Amino acid sequence: MHRNLLVLTMDANNMNRLKVVLAEKNIQSKWISEQLGVSRATVSKWVNNTSQPSLEMIDKLAKLLDVDYTELLKLERKAEQD
């Protein structure tokens, strides 16, 4: 039996999108860190692709930035065989 799985992955391009959205909306990392209760260093790591936010944090980021969370995720369909 084959099943299709939706796999959520993050890669460098995803957080580059975060960098672009921040620039487009003229939002600073400091404001993001204050709103989410994380350090500026943490946000900087997300923006510079040295760390990835959790799925929960991606959802919060998307809401805060008024974008759909899928804009920050790469979605892949993979077939799984039982």
PDB file of N, CA and C in Angstrom:
ATOM      1  N   MET A   1       0.842  -1.176   0.000  1.00  0.00           N
ATOM      2  CA  MET A   1       0.000   0.000   0.000  1.00  0.00           C
ATOM      3  C   MET A   1       0.887   1.239   0.000  1.00  0.00           C
ATOM      4  N   HIS A   2       0.539   2.205  -0.803  1.00  0.00           N
ATOM      5  CA  HIS A   2       1.270   3.466  -0.872  1.00  0.00           C
ATOM      6  C   HIS A   2       0.461   4.549  -0.177  1.00  0.00           C
ATOM      7  N   ARG A   3       1.140   5.375   0.595  1.00  0.00           N
ATOM      8  CA  ARG A   3       0.496   6.524   1.225  1.00  0.00           C
ATOM      9  C   ARG A   3       1.279   7.765   0.851  1.00  0.00           C
ATOM     10  N   ASN A   4       0.564   8.831   0.629  1.00  0.00           N
ATOM     11  CA  ASN A   4       1.219  10.109   0.391  1.00  0.00           C
ATOM     12  C   ASN A   4       1.354  10.845   1.703  1.00  0.00           C
ATOM     13  N   LEU A   5       2.537  11.283   1.990  1.00  0.00           N
ATOM     14  CA  LEU A   5       2.797  12.043   3.202  1.00  0.00           C
ATOM     15  C   LEU A   5       3.159  13.465   2.817  1.00  0.00           C
ATOM     16  N   LEU A   6       2.682  14.400   3.584  1.00  0.00           N
ATOM     17  CA  LEU A   6       3.061  15.786   3.403  1.00  0.00           C
ATOM     18  C   LEU A   6       4.174  16.058   4.408  1.00  0.00           C
ATOM     19  N   VAL A   7       5.345  16.331   3.905  1.00  0.00           N
ATOM     20  CA  VAL A   7       6.515  16.520   4.754  1.00  0.00           C
ATOM     21  C   VAL A   7       6.856  18.002   4.787  1.00  0.00           C
ATOM     22  N   LEU A   8       6.963  18.543   5.994  1.00  0.00           N
ATOM     23  CA  LEU A   8       7.335  19.932   6.172  1.00  0.00           C
ATOM     24  C   LEU A   8       8.823  20.007   6.420  1.00  0.00           C
ATOM     25  N   THR A   9       9.520  20.779   5.612  1.00  0.00           N
ATOM     26  CA  THR A   9      10.952  20.939   5.807  1.00  0.00           C
ATOM     27  C   THR A   9      11.308  22.405   5.730  1.00  0.00           C
ATOM     28  N   MET A  10      12.400  22.732   6.350  1.00  0.00           N
ATOM     29  CA  MET A  10      12.921  24.088   6.276  1.00  0.00           C
ATOM     30  C   MET A  10      14.255  24.005   5.556  1.00  0.00           C
ATOM     31  N   ASP A  11      14.556  24.973   4.758  1.00  0.00           N
ATOM     32  CA  ASP A  11      15.883  25.054   4.155  1.00  0.00           C
ATOM     33  C   ASP A  11      16.291  26.512   4.104  1.00  0.00           C
ATOM     34  N   ALA A  12      17.468  26.756   3.595  1.00  0.00           N
ATOM     35  CA  ALA A  12      18.000  28.118   3.574  1.00  0.00           C
ATOM     36  C   ALA A  12      17.065  29.072   2.838  1.00  0.00           C
ATOM     37  N   ASN A  13      16.428  28.612   1.786  1.00  0.00           N
ATOM     38  CA  ASN A  13      15.541  29.488   1.019  1.00  0.00           C
ATOM     39  C   ASN A  13      14.331  29.931   1.824  1.00  0.00           C
ATOM     40  N   ASN A  14      13.870  29.078   2.737  1.00  0.00           N
ATOM     41  CA  ASN A  14      12.710  29.452   3.543  1.00  0.00           C
ATOM     42  C   ASN A  14      13.014  30.675   4.401  1.00  0.00           C
ATOM     43  N   MET A  15      14.133  30.652   5.095  1.00  0.00           N
ATOM     44  CA  MET A  15      14.433  31.772   5.964  1.00  0.00           C
ATOM     45  C   MET A  15      14.907  32.982   5.165  1.00  0.00           C
ATOM     46  N   ASN A  16      15.414  32.760   3.954  1.00  0.00           N
ATOM     47  CA  ASN A  16      15.670  33.904   3.083  1.00  0.00           C
ATOM     48  C   ASN A  16      14.363  34.622   2.795  1.00  0.00           C
ATOM     49  N   ARG A  17      13.279  33.868   2.728  1.00  0.00           N
ATOM     50  CA  ARG A  17      11.964  34.493   2.555  1.00  0.00           C
ATOM     51  C   ARG A  17      11.626  35.356   3.760  1.00  0.00           C
ATOM     52  N   LEU A  18      11.987  34.884   4.937  1.00  0.00           N
ATOM     53  CA  LEU A  18      11.767  35.680   6.145  1.00  0.00           C
ATOM     54  C   LEU A  18      12.524  36.996   6.046  1.00  0.00           C
ATOM     55  N   LYS A  19      13.749  36.934   5.588  1.00  0.00           N
ATOM     56  CA  LYS A  19      14.564  38.140   5.427  1.00  0.00           C
ATOM     57  C   LYS A  19      13.896  39.113   4.451  1.00  0.00           C
ATOM     58  N   VAL A  20      13.365  38.576   3.362  1.00  0.00           N
ATOM     59  CA  VAL A  20      12.693  39.399   2.357  1.00  0.00           C
ATOM     60  C   VAL A  20      11.431  40.036   2.926  1.00  0.00           C
ATOM     61  N   VAL A  21      10.628  39.246   3.634  1.00  0.00           N
ATOM     62  CA  VAL A  21       9.387  39.777   4.218  1.00  0.00           C
ATOM     63  C   VAL A  21       9.703  40.883   5.221  1.00  0.00           C
ATOM     64  N   LEU A  22      10.705  40.665   6.050  1.00  0.00           N
ATOM     65  CA  LEU A  22      11.086  41.702   7.012  1.00  0.00           C
ATOM     66  C   LEU A  22      11.491  42.989   6.296  1.00  0.00           C
ATOM     67  N   ALA A  23      12.258  42.852   5.234  1.00  0.00           N
ATOM     68  CA  ALA A  23      12.692  44.025   4.472  1.00  0.00           C
ATOM     69  C   ALA A  23      11.504  44.710   3.797  1.00  0.00           C
ATOM     70  N   GLU A  24      10.627  43.926   3.174  1.00  0.00           N
ATOM     71  CA  GLU A  24       9.463  44.498   2.487  1.00  0.00           C
ATOM     72  C   GLU A  24       8.555  45.257   3.439  1.00  0.00           C
ATOM     73  N   LYS A  25       8.420  44.741   4.648  1.00  0.00           N
ATOM     74  CA  LYS A  25       7.524  45.352   5.624  1.00  0.00           C
ATOM     75  C   LYS A  25       8.256  46.329   6.536  1.00  0.00           C
ATOM     76  N   ASN A  26       9.547  46.514   6.265  1.00  0.00           N
ATOM     77  CA  ASN A  26      10.376  47.424   7.058  1.00  0.00           C
ATOM     78  C   ASN A  26      10.297  47.103   8.556  1.00  0.00           C
ATOM     79  N   ILE A  27      10.448  45.813   8.865  1.00  0.00           N
ATOM     80  CA  ILE A  27      10.375  45.336  10.238  1.00  0.00           C
ATOM     81  C   ILE A  27      11.768  44.934  10.695  1.00  0.00           C
ATOM     82  N   GLN A  28      12.123  45.357  11.883  1.00  0.00           N
ATOM     83  CA  GLN A  28      13.435  45.034  12.427  1.00  0.00           C
ATOM     84  C   GLN A  28      13.373  43.796  13.301  1.00  0.00           C
ATOM     85  N   SER A  29      14.491  43.082  13.356  1.00  0.00           N
ATOM     86  CA  SER A  29      14.599  41.877  14.175  1.00  0.00           C
ATOM     87  C   SER A  29      14.289  42.159  15.637  1.00  0.00           C
ATOM     88  N   LYS A  30      14.659  43.335  16.110  1.00  0.00           N
ATOM     89  CA  LYS A  30      14.417  43.698  17.504  1.00  0.00           C
ATOM     90  C   LYS A  30      12.921  43.636  17.814  1.00  0.00           C
ATOM     91  N   TRP A  31      12.091  44.181  16.929  1.00  0.00           N
ATOM     92  CA  TRP A  31      10.644  44.180  17.135  1.00  0.00           C
ATOM     93  C   TRP A  31      10.115  42.741  17.147  1.00  0.00           C
ATOM     94  N   ILE A  32      10.594  41.911  16.200  1.00  0.00           N
ATOM     95  CA  ILE A  32      10.174  40.508  16.149  1.00  0.00           C
ATOM     96  C   ILE A  32      10.522  39.817  17.463  1.00  0.00           C
ATOM     97  N   SER A  33      11.753  40.032  17.938  1.00  0.00           N
ATOM     98  CA  SER A  33      12.179  39.369  19.172  1.00  0.00           C
ATOM     99  C   SER A  33      11.322  39.797  20.361  1.00  0.00           C
ATOM    100  N   GLU A  34      10.984  41.077  20.425  1.00  0.00           N
ATOM    101  CA  GLU A  34      10.139  41.576  21.514  1.00  0.00           C
ATOM    102  C   GLU A  34       8.737  40.975  21.448  1.00  0.00           C
ATOM    103  N   GLN A  35       8.178  40.896  20.265  1.00  0.00           N
ATOM    104  CA  GLN A  35       6.822  40.374  20.100  1.00  0.00           C
ATOM    105  C   GLN A  35       6.736  38.878  20.404  1.00  0.00           C
ATOM    106  N   LEU A  36       7.798  38.136  20.057  1.00  0.00           N
ATOM    107  CA  LEU A  36       7.776  36.685  20.229  1.00  0.00           C
ATOM    108  C   LEU A  36       8.408  36.226  21.538  1.00  0.00           C
ATOM    109  N   GLY A  37       9.035  37.146  22.249  1.00  0.00           N
ATOM    110  CA  GLY A  37       9.657  36.784  23.512  1.00  0.00           C
ATOM    111  C   GLY A  37      10.921  35.947  23.356  1.00  0.00           C
ATOM    112  N   VAL A  38      11.650  36.191  22.280  1.00  0.00           N
ATOM    113  CA  VAL A  38      12.918  35.509  22.057  1.00  0.00           C
ATOM    114  C   VAL A  38      14.012  36.563  21.932  1.00  0.00           C
ATOM    115  N   SER A  39      15.248  36.122  21.993  1.00  0.00           N
ATOM    116  CA  SER A  39      16.353  37.082  21.905  1.00  0.00           C
ATOM    117  C   SER A  39      16.537  37.574  20.470  1.00  0.00           C
ATOM    118  N   ARG A  40      17.168  38.734  20.352  1.00  0.00           N
ATOM    119  CA  ARG A  40      17.488  39.250  19.018  1.00  0.00           C
ATOM    120  C   ARG A  40      18.462  38.321  18.315  1.00  0.00           C
ATOM    121  N   ALA A  41      19.331  37.686  19.102  1.00  0.00           N
ATOM    122  CA  ALA A  41      20.282  36.735  18.519  1.00  0.00           C
ATOM    123  C   ALA A  41      19.555  35.563  17.871  1.00  0.00           C
ATOM    124  N   THR A  42      18.486  35.103  18.495  1.00  0.00           N
ATOM    125  CA  THR A  42      17.694  34.001  17.940  1.00  0.00           C
ATOM    126  C   THR A  42      17.080  34.397  16.602  1.00  0.00           C
ATOM    127  N   VAL A  43      16.474  35.562  16.559  1.00  0.00           N
ATOM    128  CA  VAL A  43      15.870  36.034  15.300  1.00  0.00           C
ATOM    129  C   VAL A  43      16.956  36.204  14.241  1.00  0.00           C
ATOM    130  N   SER A  44      18.088  36.730  14.626  1.00  0.00           N
ATOM    131  CA  SER A  44      19.204  36.902  13.701  1.00  0.00           C
ATOM    132  C   SER A  44      19.636  35.561  13.114  1.00  0.00           C
ATOM    133  N   LYS A  45      19.673  34.532  13.941  1.00  0.00           N
ATOM    134  CA  LYS A  45      20.038  33.195  13.448  1.00  0.00           C
ATOM    135  C   LYS A  45      19.021  32.685  12.441  1.00  0.00           C
ATOM    136  N   TRP A  46      17.736  32.956  12.673  1.00  0.00           N
ATOM    137  CA  TRP A  46      16.712  32.542  11.711  1.00  0.00           C
ATOM    138  C   TRP A  46      16.905  33.258  10.380  1.00  0.00           C
ATOM    139  N   VAL A  47      17.124  34.555  10.456  1.00  0.00           N
ATOM    140  CA  VAL A  47      17.252  35.374   9.254  1.00  0.00           C
ATOM    141  C   VAL A  47      18.521  35.012   8.472  1.00  0.00           C
ATOM    142  N   ASN A  48      19.573  34.665   9.203  1.00  0.00           N
ATOM    143  CA  ASN A  48      20.857  34.359   8.559  1.00  0.00           C
ATOM    144  C   ASN A  48      21.079  32.871   8.317  1.00  0.00           C
ATOM    145  N   ASN A  49      20.038  32.078   8.486  1.00  0.00           N
ATOM    146  CA  ASN A  49      20.058  30.654   8.161  1.00  0.00           C
ATOM    147  C   ASN A  49      21.043  29.828   8.982  1.00  0.00           C
ATOM    148  N   THR A  50      21.315  30.242  10.209  1.00  0.00           N
ATOM    149  CA  THR A  50      22.182  29.433  11.061  1.00  0.00           C
ATOM    150  C   THR A  50      21.375  28.628  12.073  1.00  0.00           C
ATOM    151  N   SER A  51      20.075  28.880  12.135  1.00  0.00           N
ATOM    152  CA  SER A  51      19.169  28.163  13.022  1.00  0.00           C
ATOM    153  C   SER A  51      17.769  28.247  12.418  1.00  0.00           C
ATOM    154  N   GLN A  52      16.915  27.300  12.793  1.00  0.00           N
ATOM    155  CA  GLN A  52      15.553  27.287  12.281  1.00  0.00           C
ATOM    156  C   GLN A  52      14.558  27.364  13.427  1.00  0.00           C
ATOM    157  N   PRO A  53      13.510  28.139  13.241  1.00  0.00           N
ATOM    158  CA  PRO A  53      12.464  28.204  14.278  1.00  0.00           C
ATOM    159  C   PRO A  53      11.642  26.928  14.296  1.00  0.00           C
ATOM    160  N   SER A  54      11.028  26.659  15.432  1.00  0.00           N
ATOM    161  CA  SER A  54      10.118  25.516  15.540  1.00  0.00           C
ATOM    162  C   SER A  54       8.877  25.787  14.693  1.00  0.00           C
ATOM    163  N   LEU A  55       8.110  24.740  14.437  1.00  0.00           N
ATOM    164  CA  LEU A  55       6.866  24.920  13.687  1.00  0.00           C
ATOM    165  C   LEU A  55       5.919  25.858  14.417  1.00  0.00           C
ATOM    166  N   GLU A  56       5.890  25.759  15.735  1.00  0.00           N
ATOM    167  CA  GLU A  56       5.053  26.667  16.529  1.00  0.00           C
ATOM    168  C   GLU A  56       5.498  28.120  16.325  1.00  0.00           C
ATOM    169  N   MET A  57       6.795  28.337  16.309  1.00  0.00           N
ATOM    170  CA  MET A  57       7.311  29.689  16.135  1.00  0.00           C
ATOM    171  C   MET A  57       7.085  30.185  14.708  1.00  0.00           C
ATOM    172  N   ILE A  58       7.149  29.279  13.739  1.00  0.00           N
ATOM    173  CA  ILE A  58       6.854  29.660  12.354  1.00  0.00           C
ATOM    174  C   ILE A  58       5.424  30.151  12.246  1.00  0.00           C
ATOM    175  N   ASP A  59       4.509  29.462  12.921  1.00  0.00           N
ATOM    176  CA  ASP A  59       3.106  29.880  12.914  1.00  0.00           C
ATOM    177  C   ASP A  59       2.967  31.266  13.544  1.00  0.00           C
ATOM    178  N   LYS A  60       3.636  31.491  14.662  1.00  0.00           N
ATOM    179  CA  LYS A  60       3.585  32.803  15.320  1.00  0.00           C
ATOM    180  C   LYS A  60       4.205  33.885  14.438  1.00  0.00           C
ATOM    181  N   LEU A  61       5.327  33.560  13.797  1.00  0.00           N
ATOM    182  CA  LEU A  61       5.969  34.513  12.883  1.00  0.00           C
ATOM    183  C   LEU A  61       5.027  34.898  11.746  1.00  0.00           C
ATOM    184  N   ALA A  62       4.394  33.896  11.166  1.00  0.00           N
ATOM    185  CA  ALA A  62       3.486  34.143  10.040  1.00  0.00           C
ATOM    186  C   ALA A  62       2.342  35.066  10.453  1.00  0.00           C
ATOM    187  N   LYS A  63       1.755  34.797  11.609  1.00  0.00           N
ATOM    188  CA  LYS A  63       0.666  35.644  12.087  1.00  0.00           C
ATOM    189  C   LYS A  63       1.148  37.064  12.365  1.00  0.00           C
ATOM    190  N   LEU A  64       2.302  37.159  12.978  1.00  0.00           N
ATOM    191  CA  LEU A  64       2.864  38.465  13.309  1.00  0.00           C
ATOM    192  C   LEU A  64       3.171  39.283  12.055  1.00  0.00           C
ATOM    193  N   LEU A  65       3.662  38.595  11.025  1.00  0.00           N
ATOM    194  CA  LEU A  65       4.040  39.268   9.779  1.00  0.00           C
ATOM    195  C   LEU A  65       2.882  39.360   8.786  1.00  0.00           C
ATOM    196  N   ASP A  66       1.733  38.794   9.159  1.00  0.00           N
ATOM    197  CA  ASP A  66       0.549  38.797   8.309  1.00  0.00           C
ATOM    198  C   ASP A  66       0.824  38.142   6.954  1.00  0.00           C
ATOM    199  N   VAL A  67       1.446  36.955   7.023  1.00  0.00           N
ATOM    200  CA  VAL A  67       1.663  36.133   5.837  1.00  0.00           C
ATOM    201  C   VAL A  67       1.178  34.726   6.157  1.00  0.00           C
ATOM    202  N   ASP A  68       0.908  33.960   5.120  1.00  0.00           N
ATOM    203  CA  ASP A  68       0.520  32.575   5.321  1.00  0.00           C
ATOM    204  C   ASP A  68       1.759  31.783   5.737  1.00  0.00           C
ATOM    205  N   TYR A  69       1.598  30.896   6.717  1.00  0.00           N
ATOM    206  CA  TYR A  69       2.747  30.149   7.212  1.00  0.00           C
ATOM    207  C   TYR A  69       3.412  29.317   6.127  1.00  0.00           C
ATOM    208  N   THR A  70       2.663  28.927   5.092  1.00  0.00           N
ATOM    209  CA  THR A  70       3.253  28.134   4.014  1.00  0.00           C
ATOM    210  C   THR A  70       4.310  28.913   3.251  1.00  0.00           C
ATOM    211  N   GLU A  71       4.285  30.235   3.361  1.00  0.00           N
ATOM    212  CA  GLU A  71       5.328  31.035   2.732  1.00  0.00           C
ATOM    213  C   GLU A  71       6.667  30.840   3.420  1.00  0.00           C
ATOM    214  N   LEU A  72       6.646  30.353   4.647  1.00  0.00           N
ATOM    215  CA  LEU A  72       7.873  30.118   5.387  1.00  0.00           C
ATOM    216  C   LEU A  72       8.259  28.642   5.428  1.00  0.00           C
ATOM    217  N   LEU A  73       7.496  27.805   4.758  1.00  0.00           N
ATOM    218  CA  LEU A  73       7.746  26.367   4.753  1.00  0.00           C
ATOM    219  C   LEU A  73       7.892  25.852   3.341  1.00  0.00           C
ATOM    220  N   LYS A  74       8.670  24.830   3.212  1.00  0.00           N
ATOM    221  CA  LYS A  74       8.757  24.102   1.949  1.00  0.00           C
ATOM    222  C   LYS A  74       7.943  22.830   2.143  1.00  0.00           C
ATOM    223  N   LEU A  75       6.958  22.621   1.307  1.00  0.00           N
ATOM    224  CA  LEU A  75       6.092  21.447   1.427  1.00  0.00           C
ATOM    225  C   LEU A  75       6.448  20.434   0.350  1.00  0.00           C
ATOM    226  N   GLU A  76       6.642  19.192   0.739  1.00  0.00           N
ATOM    227  CA  GLU A  76       6.964  18.132  -0.208  1.00  0.00           C
ATOM    228  C   GLU A  76       6.003  16.975  -0.015  1.00  0.00           C
ATOM    229  N   ARG A  77       5.617  16.355  -1.105  1.00  0.00           N
ATOM    230  CA  ARG A  77       4.812  15.137  -1.016  1.00  0.00           C
ATOM    231  C   ARG A  77       5.750  13.959  -1.270  1.00  0.00           C
ATOM    232  N   LYS A  78       5.710  12.991  -0.356  1.00  0.00           N
ATOM    233  CA  LYS A  78       6.531  11.802  -0.509  1.00  0.00           C
ATOM    234  C   LYS A  78       5.642  10.586  -0.396  1.00  0.00           C
ATOM    235  N   ALA A  79       5.881   9.623  -1.246  1.00  0.00           N
ATOM    236  CA  ALA A  79       5.136   8.381  -1.196  1.00  0.00           C
ATOM    237  C   ALA A  79       5.826   7.455  -0.210  1.00  0.00           C
ATOM    238  N   GLU A  80       5.018   6.813   0.625  1.00  0.00           N
ATOM    239  CA  GLU A  80       5.553   5.843   1.580  1.00  0.00           C
ATOM    240  C   GLU A  80       4.936   4.500   1.287  1.00  0.00           C
ATOM    241  N   GLN A  81       5.744   3.477   1.266  1.00  0.00           N
ATOM    242  CA  GLN A  81       5.256   2.142   0.983  1.00  0.00           C
ATOM    243  C   GLN A  81       5.236   1.348   2.290  1.00  0.00           C
ATOM    244  N   ASP A  82       4.103   0.694   2.566  1.00  0.00           N
ATOM    245  CA  ASP A  82       3.990  -0.140   3.779  1.00  0.00           C
ATOM    246  C   ASP A  82       4.591  -1.491   3.538  1.00  0.00           C
TER     247      ASP A  82
END
